[in-house]
Amino acid sequence: MISVHAAAALAACVPLAQADRFGDIRFDETVRSDDARFVSADCDEDGCTGRDRSGVEYRTNGTWLLQKIMHGRGPSSAFEGGLSPEAPDSRVLTAPVCMEDGGMWLTLDLTNPDRPVYGLYAQP
């Protein structure tokens, strides 16, 4: 049986399919630096950073995505009202992504309203 707190957390999370509607590479895919969807990729001992044709920025640990960032409000404005400020009066909104083991979240940084930044993140 699911606890009341776990049920509330699941209700407040954003489904990965809804949060990940941007870029050429899905967040739950494995990826290599020579993937043809990267138009540029730079790697070091910690992983790779790259961009796709649409300008989405990626950071990998060499196999899995850890960050996926775009400049803009994000793929769906439907969940924007459900995001919470990181701190009181913060212009950075955040929400967890619905995952059984957790560890994924999204942010919408509205600090610069002319250039918002939307991102998906995972713990390494």
PDB file of N, CA and C in Angstrom:
ATOM      1  N   MET A   1       0.842  -1.181   0.000  1.00  0.00           N
ATOM      2  CA  MET A   1       0.000   0.000   0.000  1.00  0.00           C
ATOM      3  C   MET A   1       0.885   1.241   0.000  1.00  0.00           C
ATOM      4  N   ILE A   2       0.499   2.222  -0.763  1.00  0.00           N
ATOM      5  CA  ILE A   2       1.268   3.460  -0.895  1.00  0.00           C
ATOM      6  C   ILE A   2       0.927   4.406   0.260  1.00  0.00           C
ATOM      7  N   SER A   3       1.935   5.051   0.811  1.00  0.00           N
ATOM      8  CA  SER A   3       1.694   5.966   1.925  1.00  0.00           C
ATOM      9  C   SER A   3       1.048   7.254   1.418  1.00  0.00           C
ATOM     10  N   VAL A   4       0.458   7.993   2.326  1.00  0.00           N
ATOM     11  CA  VAL A   4      -0.181   9.267   1.976  1.00  0.00           C
ATOM     12  C   VAL A   4       0.849  10.236   1.432  1.00  0.00           C
ATOM     13  N   HIS A   5       2.043  10.281   2.041  1.00  0.00           N
ATOM     14  CA  HIS A   5       3.093  11.191   1.579  1.00  0.00           C
ATOM     15  C   HIS A   5       3.591  10.794   0.190  1.00  0.00           C
ATOM     16  N   ALA A   6       3.760   9.505  -0.048  1.00  0.00           N
ATOM     17  CA  ALA A   6       4.204   9.048  -1.367  1.00  0.00           C
ATOM     18  C   ALA A   6       3.144   9.345  -2.413  1.00  0.00           C
ATOM     19  N   ALA A   7       1.878   9.176  -2.079  1.00  0.00           N
ATOM     20  CA  ALA A   7       0.794   9.478  -3.019  1.00  0.00           C
ATOM     21  C   ALA A   7       0.779  10.963  -3.359  1.00  0.00           C
ATOM     22  N   ALA A   8       0.991  11.820  -2.359  1.00  0.00           N
ATOM     23  CA  ALA A   8       1.021  13.265  -2.604  1.00  0.00           C
ATOM     24  C   ALA A   8       2.202  13.633  -3.492  1.00  0.00           C
ATOM     25  N   ALA A   9       3.354  13.009  -3.254  1.00  0.00           N
ATOM     26  CA  ALA A   9       4.527  13.299  -4.080  1.00  0.00           C
ATOM     27  C   ALA A   9       4.305  12.855  -5.521  1.00  0.00           C
ATOM     28  N   LEU A  10       3.692  11.694  -5.722  1.00  0.00           N
ATOM     29  CA  LEU A  10       3.420  11.226  -7.071  1.00  0.00           C
ATOM     30  C   LEU A  10       2.423  12.124  -7.782  1.00  0.00           C
ATOM     31  N   ALA A  11       1.446  12.648  -7.051  1.00  0.00           N
ATOM     32  CA  ALA A  11       0.444  13.529  -7.658  1.00  0.00           C
ATOM     33  C   ALA A  11       1.073  14.849  -8.089  1.00  0.00           C
ATOM     34  N   ALA A  12       2.129  15.276  -7.401  1.00  0.00           N
ATOM     35  CA  ALA A  12       2.751  16.561  -7.692  1.00  0.00           C
ATOM     36  C   ALA A  12       3.879  16.453  -8.717  1.00  0.00           C
ATOM     37  N   CYS A  13       4.174  15.246  -9.180  1.00  0.00           N
ATOM     38  CA  CYS A  13       5.277  15.091 -10.125  1.00  0.00           C
ATOM     39  C   CYS A  13       4.786  15.243 -11.562  1.00  0.00           C
ATOM     40  N   VAL A  14       5.729  15.470 -12.461  1.00  0.00           N
ATOM     41  CA  VAL A  14       5.440  15.638 -13.886  1.00  0.00           C
ATOM     42  C   VAL A  14       5.870  14.360 -14.606  1.00  0.00           C
ATOM     43  N   PRO A  15       5.018  13.764 -15.419  1.00  0.00           N
ATOM     44  CA  PRO A  15       5.420  12.565 -16.165  1.00  0.00           C
ATOM     45  C   PRO A  15       6.587  12.865 -17.108  1.00  0.00           C
ATOM     46  N   LEU A  16       7.521  11.928 -17.197  1.00  0.00           N
ATOM     47  CA  LEU A  16       8.693  12.109 -18.045  1.00  0.00           C
ATOM     48  C   LEU A  16       8.288  12.381 -19.491  1.00  0.00           C
ATOM     49  N   ALA A  17       7.305  11.677 -20.000  1.00  0.00           N
ATOM     50  CA  ALA A  17       6.882  11.871 -21.397  1.00  0.00           C
ATOM     51  C   ALA A  17       6.411  13.306 -21.641  1.00  0.00           C
ATOM     52  N   GLN A  18       5.799  13.928 -20.654  1.00  0.00           N
ATOM     53  CA  GLN A  18       5.325  15.300 -20.801  1.00  0.00           C
ATOM     54  C   GLN A  18       6.478  16.290 -20.682  1.00  0.00           C
ATOM     55  N   ALA A  19       7.412  16.035 -19.774  1.00  0.00           N
ATOM     56  CA  ALA A  19       8.531  16.953 -19.533  1.00  0.00           C
ATOM     57  C   ALA A  19       9.601  16.860 -20.615  1.00  0.00           C
ATOM     58  N   ASP A  20       9.644  15.744 -21.338  1.00  0.00           N
ATOM     59  CA  ASP A  20      10.748  15.466 -22.266  1.00  0.00           C
ATOM     60  C   ASP A  20      10.339  15.606 -23.732  1.00  0.00           C
ATOM     61  N   ARG A  21       9.497  16.559 -24.029  1.00  0.00           N
ATOM     62  CA  ARG A  21       9.032  16.766 -25.401  1.00  0.00           C
ATOM     63  C   ARG A  21       9.859  17.808 -26.141  1.00  0.00           C
ATOM     64  N   PHE A  22      11.159  17.668 -26.110  1.00  0.00           N
ATOM     65  CA  PHE A  22      12.032  18.596 -26.831  1.00  0.00           C
ATOM     66  C   PHE A  22      13.354  17.906 -27.110  1.00  0.00           C
ATOM     67  N   GLY A  23      14.034  18.371 -28.131  1.00  0.00           N
ATOM     68  CA  GLY A  23      15.331  17.817 -28.482  1.00  0.00           C
ATOM     69  C   GLY A  23      15.225  16.514 -29.256  1.00  0.00           C
ATOM     70  N   ASP A  24      16.344  16.109 -29.829  1.00  0.00           N
ATOM     71  CA  ASP A  24      16.408  14.902 -30.652  1.00  0.00           C
ATOM     72  C   ASP A  24      16.641  13.636 -29.843  1.00  0.00           C
ATOM     73  N   ILE A  25      17.134  13.767 -28.622  1.00  0.00           N
ATOM     74  CA  ILE A  25      17.491  12.609 -27.807  1.00  0.00           C
ATOM     75  C   ILE A  25      16.585  12.569 -26.583  1.00  0.00           C
ATOM     76  N   ARG A  26      15.924  11.453 -26.357  1.00  0.00           N
ATOM     77  CA  ARG A  26      15.056  11.282 -25.186  1.00  0.00           C
ATOM     78  C   ARG A  26      15.923  11.088 -23.946  1.00  0.00           C
ATOM     79  N   PHE A  27      15.418  11.530 -22.821  1.00  0.00           N
ATOM     80  CA  PHE A  27      16.193  11.490 -21.585  1.00  0.00           C
ATOM     81  C   PHE A  27      16.475  10.057 -21.132  1.00  0.00           C
ATOM     82  N   ASP A  28      15.623   9.119 -21.478  1.00  0.00           N
ATOM     83  CA  ASP A  28      15.796   7.745 -21.007  1.00  0.00           C
ATOM     84  C   ASP A  28      16.548   6.853 -22.000  1.00  0.00           C
ATOM     85  N   GLU A  29      17.180   7.443 -23.017  1.00  0.00           N
ATOM     86  CA  GLU A  29      17.971   6.697 -23.987  1.00  0.00           C
ATOM     87  C   GLU A  29      19.432   6.634 -23.555  1.00  0.00           C
ATOM     88  N   THR A  30      20.129   5.577 -23.968  1.00  0.00           N
ATOM     89  CA  THR A  30      21.575   5.574 -23.830  1.00  0.00           C
ATOM     90  C   THR A  30      22.134   6.347 -25.017  1.00  0.00           C
ATOM     91  N   VAL A  31      23.256   6.969 -24.819  1.00  0.00           N
ATOM     92  CA  VAL A  31      23.823   7.823 -25.868  1.00  0.00           C
ATOM     93  C   VAL A  31      25.344   7.773 -25.803  1.00  0.00           C
ATOM     94  N   ARG A  32      25.978   7.864 -26.977  1.00  0.00           N
ATOM     95  CA  ARG A  32      27.434   7.902 -27.060  1.00  0.00           C
ATOM     96  C   ARG A  32      27.852   9.208 -27.723  1.00  0.00           C
ATOM     97  N   SER A  33      29.093   9.578 -27.533  1.00  0.00           N
ATOM     98  CA  SER A  33      29.572  10.853 -28.081  1.00  0.00           C
ATOM     99  C   SER A  33      29.533  10.875 -29.601  1.00  0.00           C
ATOM    100  N   ASP A  34      29.595   9.714 -30.259  1.00  0.00           N
ATOM    101  CA  ASP A  34      29.560   9.673 -31.714  1.00  0.00           C
ATOM    102  C   ASP A  34      28.144   9.524 -32.273  1.00  0.00           C
ATOM    103  N   ASP A  35      27.134   9.708 -31.416  1.00  0.00           N
ATOM    104  CA  ASP A  35      25.743   9.630 -31.861  1.00  0.00           C
ATOM    105  C   ASP A  35      25.501  10.684 -32.944  1.00  0.00           C
ATOM    106  N   ALA A  36      24.905  10.281 -34.040  1.00  0.00           N
ATOM    107  CA  ALA A  36      24.697  11.170 -35.192  1.00  0.00           C
ATOM    108  C   ALA A  36      23.753  12.330 -34.880  1.00  0.00           C
ATOM    109  N   ARG A  37      23.001  12.242 -33.796  1.00  0.00           N
ATOM    110  CA  ARG A  37      22.083  13.333 -33.448  1.00  0.00           C
ATOM    111  C   ARG A  37      22.796  14.527 -32.832  1.00  0.00           C
ATOM    112  N   PHE A  38      24.039  14.331 -32.371  1.00  0.00           N
ATOM    113  CA  PHE A  38      24.844  15.454 -31.883  1.00  0.00           C
ATOM    114  C   PHE A  38      25.445  16.176 -33.077  1.00  0.00           C
ATOM    115  N   VAL A  39      25.305  17.494 -33.114  1.00  0.00           N
ATOM    116  CA  VAL A  39      26.033  18.263 -34.128  1.00  0.00           C
ATOM    117  C   VAL A  39      27.391  18.684 -33.580  1.00  0.00           C
ATOM    118  N   SER A  40      27.523  18.663 -32.257  1.00  0.00           N
ATOM    119  CA  SER A  40      28.816  18.894 -31.625  1.00  0.00           C
ATOM    120  C   SER A  40      28.837  18.131 -30.312  1.00  0.00           C
ATOM    121  N   ALA A  41      30.005  17.622 -29.948  1.00  0.00           N
ATOM    122  CA  ALA A  41      30.173  16.919 -28.672  1.00  0.00           C
ATOM    123  C   ALA A  41      31.623  17.040 -28.242  1.00  0.00           C
ATOM    124  N   ASP A  42      31.833  17.379 -26.983  1.00  0.00           N
ATOM    125  CA  ASP A  42      33.160  17.449 -26.384  1.00  0.00           C
ATOM    126  C   ASP A  42      33.142  16.548 -25.163  1.00  0.00           C
ATOM    127  N   CYS A  43      34.144  15.690 -25.044  1.00  0.00           N
ATOM    128  CA  CYS A  43      34.181  14.723 -23.950  1.00  0.00           C
ATOM    129  C   CYS A  43      35.442  14.880 -23.120  1.00  0.00           C
ATOM    130  N   ASP A  44      35.329  14.517 -21.846  1.00  0.00           N
ATOM    131  CA  ASP A  44      36.462  14.429 -20.943  1.00  0.00           C
ATOM    132  C   ASP A  44      36.233  13.208 -20.059  1.00  0.00           C
ATOM    133  N   GLU A  45      37.012  13.056 -19.004  1.00  0.00           N
ATOM    134  CA  GLU A  45      36.890  11.875 -18.147  1.00  0.00           C
ATOM    135  C   GLU A  45      35.554  11.810 -17.399  1.00  0.00           C
ATOM    136  N   ASP A  46      34.831  12.914 -17.283  1.00  0.00           N
ATOM    137  CA  ASP A  46      33.557  12.937 -16.566  1.00  0.00           C
ATOM    138  C   ASP A  46      32.352  12.688 -17.465  1.00  0.00           C
ATOM    139  N   GLY A  47      32.540  12.704 -18.775  1.00  0.00           N
ATOM    140  CA  GLY A  47      31.413  12.519 -19.679  1.00  0.00           C
ATOM    141  C   GLY A  47      31.519  13.456 -20.864  1.00  0.00           C
ATOM    142  N   CYS A  48      30.373  13.766 -21.455  1.00  0.00           N
ATOM    143  CA  CYS A  48      30.355  14.592 -22.658  1.00  0.00           C
ATOM    144  C   CYS A  48      29.316  15.699 -22.541  1.00  0.00           C
ATOM    145  N   THR A  49      29.579  16.785 -23.242  1.00  0.00           N
ATOM    146  CA  THR A  49      28.587  17.826 -23.454  1.00  0.00           C
ATOM    147  C   THR A  49      28.388  17.929 -24.959  1.00  0.00           C
ATOM    148  N   GLY A  50      27.156  18.219 -25.353  1.00  0.00           N
ATOM    149  CA  GLY A  50      26.888  18.309 -26.778  1.00  0.00           C
ATOM    150  C   GLY A  50      25.627  19.093 -27.068  1.00  0.00           C
ATOM    151  N   ARG A  51      25.377  19.294 -28.353  1.00  0.00           N
ATOM    152  CA  ARG A  51      24.183  19.992 -28.833  1.00  0.00           C
ATOM    153  C   ARG A  51      23.608  19.212 -30.001  1.00  0.00           C
ATOM    154  N   ASP A  52      22.281  19.287 -30.128  1.00  0.00           N
ATOM    155  CA  ASP A  52      21.640  18.703 -31.302  1.00  0.00           C
ATOM    156  C   ASP A  52      21.324  19.807 -32.309  1.00  0.00           C
ATOM    157  N   ARG A  53      20.678  19.444 -33.415  1.00  0.00           N
ATOM    158  CA  ARG A  53      20.373  20.412 -34.480  1.00  0.00           C
ATOM    159  C   ARG A  53      19.495  21.563 -34.012  1.00  0.00           C
ATOM    160  N   SER A  54      18.639  21.325 -33.032  1.00  0.00           N
ATOM    161  CA  SER A  54      17.739  22.379 -32.565  1.00  0.00           C
ATOM    162  C   SER A  54      18.360  23.267 -31.492  1.00  0.00           C
ATOM    163  N   GLY A  55      19.610  22.981 -31.091  1.00  0.00           N
ATOM    164  CA  GLY A  55      20.285  23.807 -30.097  1.00  0.00           C
ATOM    165  C   GLY A  55      20.113  23.333 -28.666  1.00  0.00           C
ATOM    166  N   VAL A  56      19.448  22.208 -28.455  1.00  0.00           N
ATOM    167  CA  VAL A  56      19.307  21.665 -27.107  1.00  0.00           C
ATOM    168  C   VAL A  56      20.681  21.211 -26.635  1.00  0.00           C
ATOM    169  N   GLU A  57      21.003  21.559 -25.387  1.00  0.00           N
ATOM    170  CA  GLU A  57      22.285  21.215 -24.782  1.00  0.00           C
ATOM    171  C   GLU A  57      22.127  19.950 -23.943  1.00  0.00           C
ATOM    172  N   TYR A  58      23.104  19.059 -24.036  1.00  0.00           N
ATOM    173  CA  TYR A  58      23.082  17.799 -23.288  1.00  0.00           C
ATOM    174  C   TYR A  58      24.371  17.659 -22.495  1.00  0.00           C
ATOM    175  N   ARG A  59      24.285  16.980 -21.372  1.00  0.00           N
ATOM    176  CA  ARG A  59      25.455  16.567 -20.584  1.00  0.00           C
ATOM    177  C   ARG A  59      25.243  15.101 -20.261  1.00  0.00           C
ATOM    178  N   THR A  60      26.237  14.266 -20.554  1.00  0.00           N
ATOM    179  CA  THR A  60      26.129  12.839 -20.291  1.00  0.00           C
ATOM    180  C   THR A  60      27.229  12.401 -19.334  1.00  0.00           C
ATOM    181  N   ASN A  61      27.048  11.235 -18.774  1.00  0.00           N
ATOM    182  CA  ASN A  61      28.130  10.618 -18.002  1.00  0.00           C
ATOM    183  C   ASN A  61      28.888   9.633 -18.885  1.00  0.00           C
ATOM    184  N   GLY A  62      28.653   9.698 -20.176  1.00  0.00           N
ATOM    185  CA  GLY A  62      29.259   8.801 -21.131  1.00  0.00           C
ATOM    186  C   GLY A  62      28.258   7.809 -21.696  1.00  0.00           C
ATOM    187  N   THR A  63      27.159   7.565 -20.986  1.00  0.00           N
ATOM    188  CA  THR A  63      26.134   6.615 -21.415  1.00  0.00           C
ATOM    189  C   THR A  63      24.732   7.183 -21.257  1.00  0.00           C
ATOM    190  N   TRP A  64      24.456   7.794 -20.106  1.00  0.00           N
ATOM    191  CA  TRP A  64      23.114   8.310 -19.794  1.00  0.00           C
ATOM    192  C   TRP A  64      23.141   9.822 -19.706  1.00  0.00           C
ATOM    193  N   LEU A  65      22.024  10.443 -20.036  1.00  0.00           N
ATOM    194  CA  LEU A  65      21.913  11.894 -19.918  1.00  0.00           C
ATOM    195  C   LEU A  65      21.794  12.291 -18.453  1.00  0.00           C
ATOM    196  N   LEU A  66      22.471  13.351 -18.086  1.00  0.00           N
ATOM    197  CA  LEU A  66      22.372  13.934 -16.754  1.00  0.00           C
ATOM    198  C   LEU A  66      21.697  15.296 -16.812  1.00  0.00           C
ATOM    199  N   GLN A  67      21.812  15.981 -17.957  1.00  0.00           N
ATOM    200  CA  GLN A  67      21.181  17.290 -18.148  1.00  0.00           C
ATOM    201  C   GLN A  67      20.720  17.411 -19.594  1.00  0.00           C
ATOM    202  N   LYS A  68      19.589  18.053 -19.747  1.00  0.00           N
ATOM    203  CA  LYS A  68      19.045  18.364 -21.076  1.00  0.00           C
ATOM    204  C   LYS A  68      18.417  19.742 -20.941  1.00  0.00           C
ATOM    205  N   ILE A  69      18.974  20.739 -21.649  1.00  0.00           N
ATOM    206  CA  ILE A  69      18.592  22.133 -21.404  1.00  0.00           C
ATOM    207  C   ILE A  69      18.246  22.827 -22.720  1.00  0.00           C
ATOM    208  N   MET A  70      17.189  23.631 -22.683  1.00  0.00           N
ATOM    209  CA  MET A  70      16.851  24.462 -23.835  1.00  0.00           C
ATOM    210  C   MET A  70      16.506  25.855 -23.357  1.00  0.00           C
ATOM    211  N   HIS A  71      16.713  26.815 -24.217  1.00  0.00           N
ATOM    212  CA  HIS A  71      16.314  28.180 -23.912  1.00  0.00           C
ATOM    213  C   HIS A  71      14.894  28.335 -24.428  1.00  0.00           C
ATOM    214  N   GLY A  72      13.984  28.616 -23.499  1.00  0.00           N
ATOM    215  CA  GLY A  72      12.562  28.711 -23.792  1.00  0.00           C
ATOM    216  C   GLY A  72      11.770  28.165 -22.617  1.00  0.00           C
ATOM    217  N   ARG A  73      10.471  28.271 -22.666  1.00  0.00           N
ATOM    218  CA  ARG A  73       9.637  27.909 -21.538  1.00  0.00           C
ATOM    219  C   ARG A  73       9.456  26.413 -21.368  1.00  0.00           C
ATOM    220  N   GLY A  74       9.832  25.633 -22.340  1.00  0.00           N
ATOM    221  CA  GLY A  74       9.703  24.187 -22.217  1.00  0.00           C
ATOM    222  C   GLY A  74       8.694  23.631 -23.192  1.00  0.00           C
ATOM    223  N   PRO A  75       8.575  22.327 -23.219  1.00  0.00           N
ATOM    224  CA  PRO A  75       7.740  21.673 -24.221  1.00  0.00           C
ATOM    225  C   PRO A  75       6.249  21.742 -23.961  1.00  0.00           C
ATOM    226  N   SER A  76       5.847  21.998 -22.734  1.00  0.00           N
ATOM    227  CA  SER A  76       4.423  22.013 -22.421  1.00  0.00           C
ATOM    228  C   SER A  76       4.135  23.047 -21.352  1.00  0.00           C
ATOM    229  N   SER A  77       3.282  23.993 -21.667  1.00  0.00           N
ATOM    230  CA  SER A  77       2.922  24.990 -20.661  1.00  0.00           C
ATOM    231  C   SER A  77       1.843  24.457 -19.719  1.00  0.00           C
ATOM    232  N   ALA A  78       1.298  23.278 -20.006  1.00  0.00           N
ATOM    233  CA  ALA A  78       0.220  22.723 -19.185  1.00  0.00           C
ATOM    234  C   ALA A  78       0.645  22.479 -17.738  1.00  0.00           C
ATOM    235  N   PHE A  79       1.906  22.109 -17.521  1.00  0.00           N
ATOM    236  CA  PHE A  79       2.332  21.823 -16.156  1.00  0.00           C
ATOM    237  C   PHE A  79       3.004  23.003 -15.467  1.00  0.00           C
ATOM    238  N   GLU A  80       3.189  24.111 -16.150  1.00  0.00           N
ATOM    239  CA  GLU A  80       3.913  25.249 -15.567  1.00  0.00           C
ATOM    240  C   GLU A  80       3.260  25.744 -14.276  1.00  0.00           C
ATOM    241  N   GLY A  81       1.946  25.762 -14.215  1.00  0.00           N
ATOM    242  CA  GLY A  81       1.243  26.205 -13.004  1.00  0.00           C
ATOM    243  C   GLY A  81       1.463  25.289 -11.821  1.00  0.00           C
ATOM    244  N   GLY A  82       1.867  24.045 -12.058  1.00  0.00           N
ATOM    245  CA  GLY A  82       2.117  23.096 -10.985  1.00  0.00           C
ATOM    246  C   GLY A  82       3.541  23.100 -10.469  1.00  0.00           C
ATOM    247  N   LEU A  83       4.407  23.911 -11.080  1.00  0.00           N
ATOM    248  CA  LEU A  83       5.777  23.998 -10.616  1.00  0.00           C
ATOM    249  C   LEU A  83       5.861  24.887  -9.386  1.00  0.00           C
ATOM    250  N   SER A  84       6.829  24.615  -8.546  1.00  0.00           N
ATOM    251  CA  SER A  84       6.993  25.369  -7.306  1.00  0.00           C
ATOM    252  C   SER A  84       8.306  26.132  -7.312  1.00  0.00           C
ATOM    253  N   PRO A  85       8.331  27.327  -6.691  1.00  0.00           N
ATOM    254  CA  PRO A  85       9.597  28.054  -6.579  1.00  0.00           C
ATOM    255  C   PRO A  85      10.593  27.257  -5.737  1.00  0.00           C
ATOM    256  N   GLU A  86      11.882  27.315  -6.097  1.00  0.00           N
ATOM    257  CA  GLU A  86      12.917  26.626  -5.324  1.00  0.00           C
ATOM    258  C   GLU A  86      13.010  27.192  -3.912  1.00  0.00           C
ATOM    259  N   ALA A  87      12.761  28.466  -3.775  1.00  0.00           N
ATOM    260  CA  ALA A  87      12.783  29.159  -2.489  1.00  0.00           C
ATOM    261  C   ALA A  87      11.730  30.264  -2.567  1.00  0.00           C
ATOM    262  N   PRO A  88      11.314  30.806  -1.419  1.00  0.00           N
ATOM    263  CA  PRO A  88      10.343  31.905  -1.471  1.00  0.00           C
ATOM    264  C   PRO A  88      10.851  33.034  -2.367  1.00  0.00           C
ATOM    265  N   ASP A  89       9.974  33.564  -3.181  1.00  0.00           N
ATOM    266  CA  ASP A  89      10.267  34.661  -4.108  1.00  0.00           C
ATOM    267  C   ASP A  89      11.286  34.301  -5.197  1.00  0.00           C
ATOM    268  N   SER A  90      11.587  33.025  -5.364  1.00  0.00           N
ATOM    269  CA  SER A  90      12.534  32.609  -6.396  1.00  0.00           C
ATOM    270  C   SER A  90      11.859  32.649  -7.760  1.00  0.00           C
ATOM    271  N   ARG A  91      12.608  32.990  -8.776  1.00  0.00           N
ATOM    272  CA  ARG A  91      12.133  32.977 -10.160  1.00  0.00           C
ATOM    273  C   ARG A  91      12.523  31.670 -10.850  1.00  0.00           C
ATOM    274  N   VAL A  92      13.029  30.710 -10.062  1.00  0.00           N
ATOM    275  CA  VAL A  92      13.345  29.376 -10.581  1.00  0.00           C
ATOM    276  C   VAL A  92      12.289  28.422 -10.054  1.00  0.00           C
ATOM    277  N   LEU A  93      11.507  27.858 -10.992  1.00  0.00           N
ATOM    278  CA  LEU A  93      10.442  26.932 -10.648  1.00  0.00           C
ATOM    279  C   LEU A  93      10.937  25.509 -10.874  1.00  0.00           C
ATOM    280  N   THR A  94      10.465  24.578 -10.057  1.00  0.00           N
ATOM    281  CA  THR A  94      10.937  23.212 -10.156  1.00  0.00           C
ATOM    282  C   THR A  94       9.830  22.217  -9.827  1.00  0.00           C
ATOM    283  N   ALA A  95      10.012  20.979 -10.270  1.00  0.00           N
ATOM    284  CA  ALA A  95       9.110  19.877  -9.949  1.00  0.00           C
ATOM    285  C   ALA A  95       9.856  18.572 -10.158  1.00  0.00           C
ATOM    286  N   PRO A  96       9.514  17.548  -9.369  1.00  0.00           N
ATOM    287  CA  PRO A  96      10.121  16.239  -9.614  1.00  0.00           C
ATOM    288  C   PRO A  96       9.489  15.605 -10.855  1.00  0.00           C
ATOM    289  N   VAL A  97      10.252  14.736 -11.497  1.00  0.00           N
ATOM    290  CA  VAL A  97       9.739  13.936 -12.604  1.00  0.00           C
ATOM    291  C   VAL A  97       9.289  12.615 -12.005  1.00  0.00           C
ATOM    292  N   CYS A  98       8.132  12.128 -12.414  1.00  0.00           N
ATOM    293  CA  CYS A  98       7.568  10.887 -11.872  1.00  0.00           C
ATOM    294  C   CYS A  98       8.449   9.696 -12.252  1.00  0.00           C
ATOM    295  N   MET A  99       9.191   9.202 -11.296  1.00  0.00           N
ATOM    296  CA  MET A  99      10.049   8.029 -11.470  1.00  0.00           C
ATOM    297  C   MET A  99       9.963   7.225 -10.179  1.00  0.00           C
ATOM    298  N   GLU A 100       9.918   5.904 -10.300  1.00  0.00           N
ATOM    299  CA  GLU A 100       9.822   5.064  -9.108  1.00  0.00           C
ATOM    300  C   GLU A 100      10.963   5.309  -8.140  1.00  0.00           C
ATOM    301  N   ASP A 101      12.193   5.409  -8.664  1.00  0.00           N
ATOM    302  CA  ASP A 101      13.339   5.579  -7.788  1.00  0.00           C
ATOM    303  C   ASP A 101      13.751   7.037  -7.606  1.00  0.00           C
ATOM    304  N   GLY A 102      12.974   7.973  -8.163  1.00  0.00           N
ATOM    305  CA  GLY A 102      13.256   9.397  -8.002  1.00  0.00           C
ATOM    306  C   GLY A 102      14.537   9.800  -8.709  1.00  0.00           C
ATOM    307  N   GLY A 103      15.092  10.912  -8.311  1.00  0.00           N
ATOM    308  CA  GLY A 103      16.370  11.341  -8.846  1.00  0.00           C
ATOM    309  C   GLY A 103      16.303  12.149 -10.130  1.00  0.00           C
ATOM    310  N   MET A 104      15.107  12.490 -10.606  1.00  0.00           N
ATOM    311  CA  MET A 104      14.982  13.340 -11.789  1.00  0.00           C
ATOM    312  C   MET A 104      14.074  14.513 -11.455  1.00  0.00           C
ATOM    313  N   TRP A 105      14.404  15.676 -12.012  1.00  0.00           N
ATOM    314  CA  TRP A 105      13.572  16.854 -11.792  1.00  0.00           C
ATOM    315  C   TRP A 105      13.691  17.777 -12.993  1.00  0.00           C
ATOM    316  N   LEU A 106      12.799  18.741 -13.056  1.00  0.00           N
ATOM    317  CA  LEU A 106      12.850  19.752 -14.103  1.00  0.00           C
ATOM    318  C   LEU A 106      12.859  21.117 -13.462  1.00  0.00           C
ATOM    319  N   THR A 107      13.416  22.078 -14.182  1.00  0.00           N
ATOM    320  CA  THR A 107      13.408  23.461 -13.713  1.00  0.00           C
ATOM    321  C   THR A 107      12.998  24.370 -14.865  1.00  0.00           C
ATOM    322  N   LEU A 108      12.399  25.460 -14.496  1.00  0.00           N
ATOM    323  CA  LEU A 108      12.112  26.543 -15.422  1.00  0.00           C
ATOM    324  C   LEU A 108      12.649  27.803 -14.763  1.00  0.00           C
ATOM    325  N   ASP A 109      13.746  28.307 -15.310  1.00  0.00           N
ATOM    326  CA  ASP A 109      14.417  29.471 -14.739  1.00  0.00           C
ATOM    327  C   ASP A 109      13.910  30.717 -15.458  1.00  0.00           C
ATOM    328  N   LEU A 110      13.125  31.515 -14.733  1.00  0.00           N
ATOM    329  CA  LEU A 110      12.534  32.736 -15.272  1.00  0.00           C
ATOM    330  C   LEU A 110      13.257  33.988 -14.778  1.00  0.00           C
ATOM    331  N   THR A 111      14.497  33.820 -14.297  1.00  0.00           N
ATOM    332  CA  THR A 111      15.272  34.952 -13.803  1.00  0.00           C
ATOM    333  C   THR A 111      15.403  36.032 -14.860  1.00  0.00           C
ATOM    334  N   ASN A 112      15.668  35.629 -16.099  1.00  0.00           N
ATOM    335  CA  ASN A 112      15.703  36.554 -17.221  1.00  0.00           C
ATOM    336  C   ASN A 112      14.463  36.262 -18.069  1.00  0.00           C
ATOM    337  N   PRO A 113      13.375  37.029 -17.901  1.00  0.00           N
ATOM    338  CA  PRO A 113      12.120  36.719 -18.575  1.00  0.00           C
ATOM    339  C   PRO A 113      12.218  36.725 -20.108  1.00  0.00           C
ATOM    340  N   ASP A 114      13.203  37.433 -20.660  1.00  0.00           N
ATOM    341  CA  ASP A 114      13.387  37.443 -22.112  1.00  0.00           C
ATOM    342  C   ASP A 114      14.092  36.185 -22.616  1.00  0.00           C
ATOM    343  N   ARG A 115      14.710  35.451 -21.716  1.00  0.00           N
ATOM    344  CA  ARG A 115      15.444  34.244 -22.102  1.00  0.00           C
ATOM    345  C   ARG A 115      15.304  33.179 -21.010  1.00  0.00           C
ATOM    346  N   PRO A 116      14.104  32.620 -20.837  1.00  0.00           N
ATOM    347  CA  PRO A 116      13.929  31.572 -19.834  1.00  0.00           C
ATOM    348  C   PRO A 116      14.736  30.333 -20.218  1.00  0.00           C
ATOM    349  N   VAL A 117      15.082  29.537 -19.222  1.00  0.00           N
ATOM    350  CA  VAL A 117      15.851  28.309 -19.446  1.00  0.00           C
ATOM    351  C   VAL A 117      15.068  27.158 -18.837  1.00  0.00           C
ATOM    352  N   TYR A 118      14.801  26.141 -19.662  1.00  0.00           N
ATOM    353  CA  TYR A 118      14.080  24.959 -19.242  1.00  0.00           C
ATOM    354  C   TYR A 118      15.045  23.788 -19.233  1.00  0.00           C
ATOM    355  N   GLY A 119      15.018  22.983 -18.183  1.00  0.00           N
ATOM    356  CA  GLY A 119      15.949  21.859 -18.138  1.00  0.00           C
ATOM    357  C   GLY A 119      15.412  20.655 -17.417  1.00  0.00           C
ATOM    358  N   LEU A 120      15.875  19.486 -17.846  1.00  0.00           N
ATOM    359  CA  LEU A 120      15.653  18.215 -17.175  1.00  0.00           C
ATOM    360  C   LEU A 120      16.988  17.773 -16.599  1.00  0.00           C
ATOM    361  N   TYR A 121      16.972  17.221 -15.396  1.00  0.00           N
ATOM    362  CA  TYR A 121      18.196  16.834 -14.699  1.00  0.00           C
ATOM    363  C   TYR A 121      18.013  15.484 -14.038  1.00  0.00           C
ATOM    364  N   ALA A 122      19.119  14.753 -13.917  1.00  0.00           N
ATOM    365  CA  ALA A 122      19.127  13.486 -13.189  1.00  0.00           C
ATOM    366  C   ALA A 122      20.357  13.448 -12.306  1.00  0.00           C
ATOM    367  N   GLN A 123      20.227  12.790 -11.171  1.00  0.00           N
ATOM    368  CA  GLN A 123      21.387  12.622 -10.307  1.00  0.00           C
ATOM    369  C   GLN A 123      22.317  11.600 -10.957  1.00  0.00           C
ATOM    370  N   PRO A 124      23.605  11.852 -10.930  1.00  0.00           N
ATOM    371  CA  PRO A 124      24.544  10.885 -11.521  1.00  0.00           C
ATOM    372  C   PRO A 124      24.587   9.587 -10.729  1.00  0.00           C
TER     373      PRO A 124
END
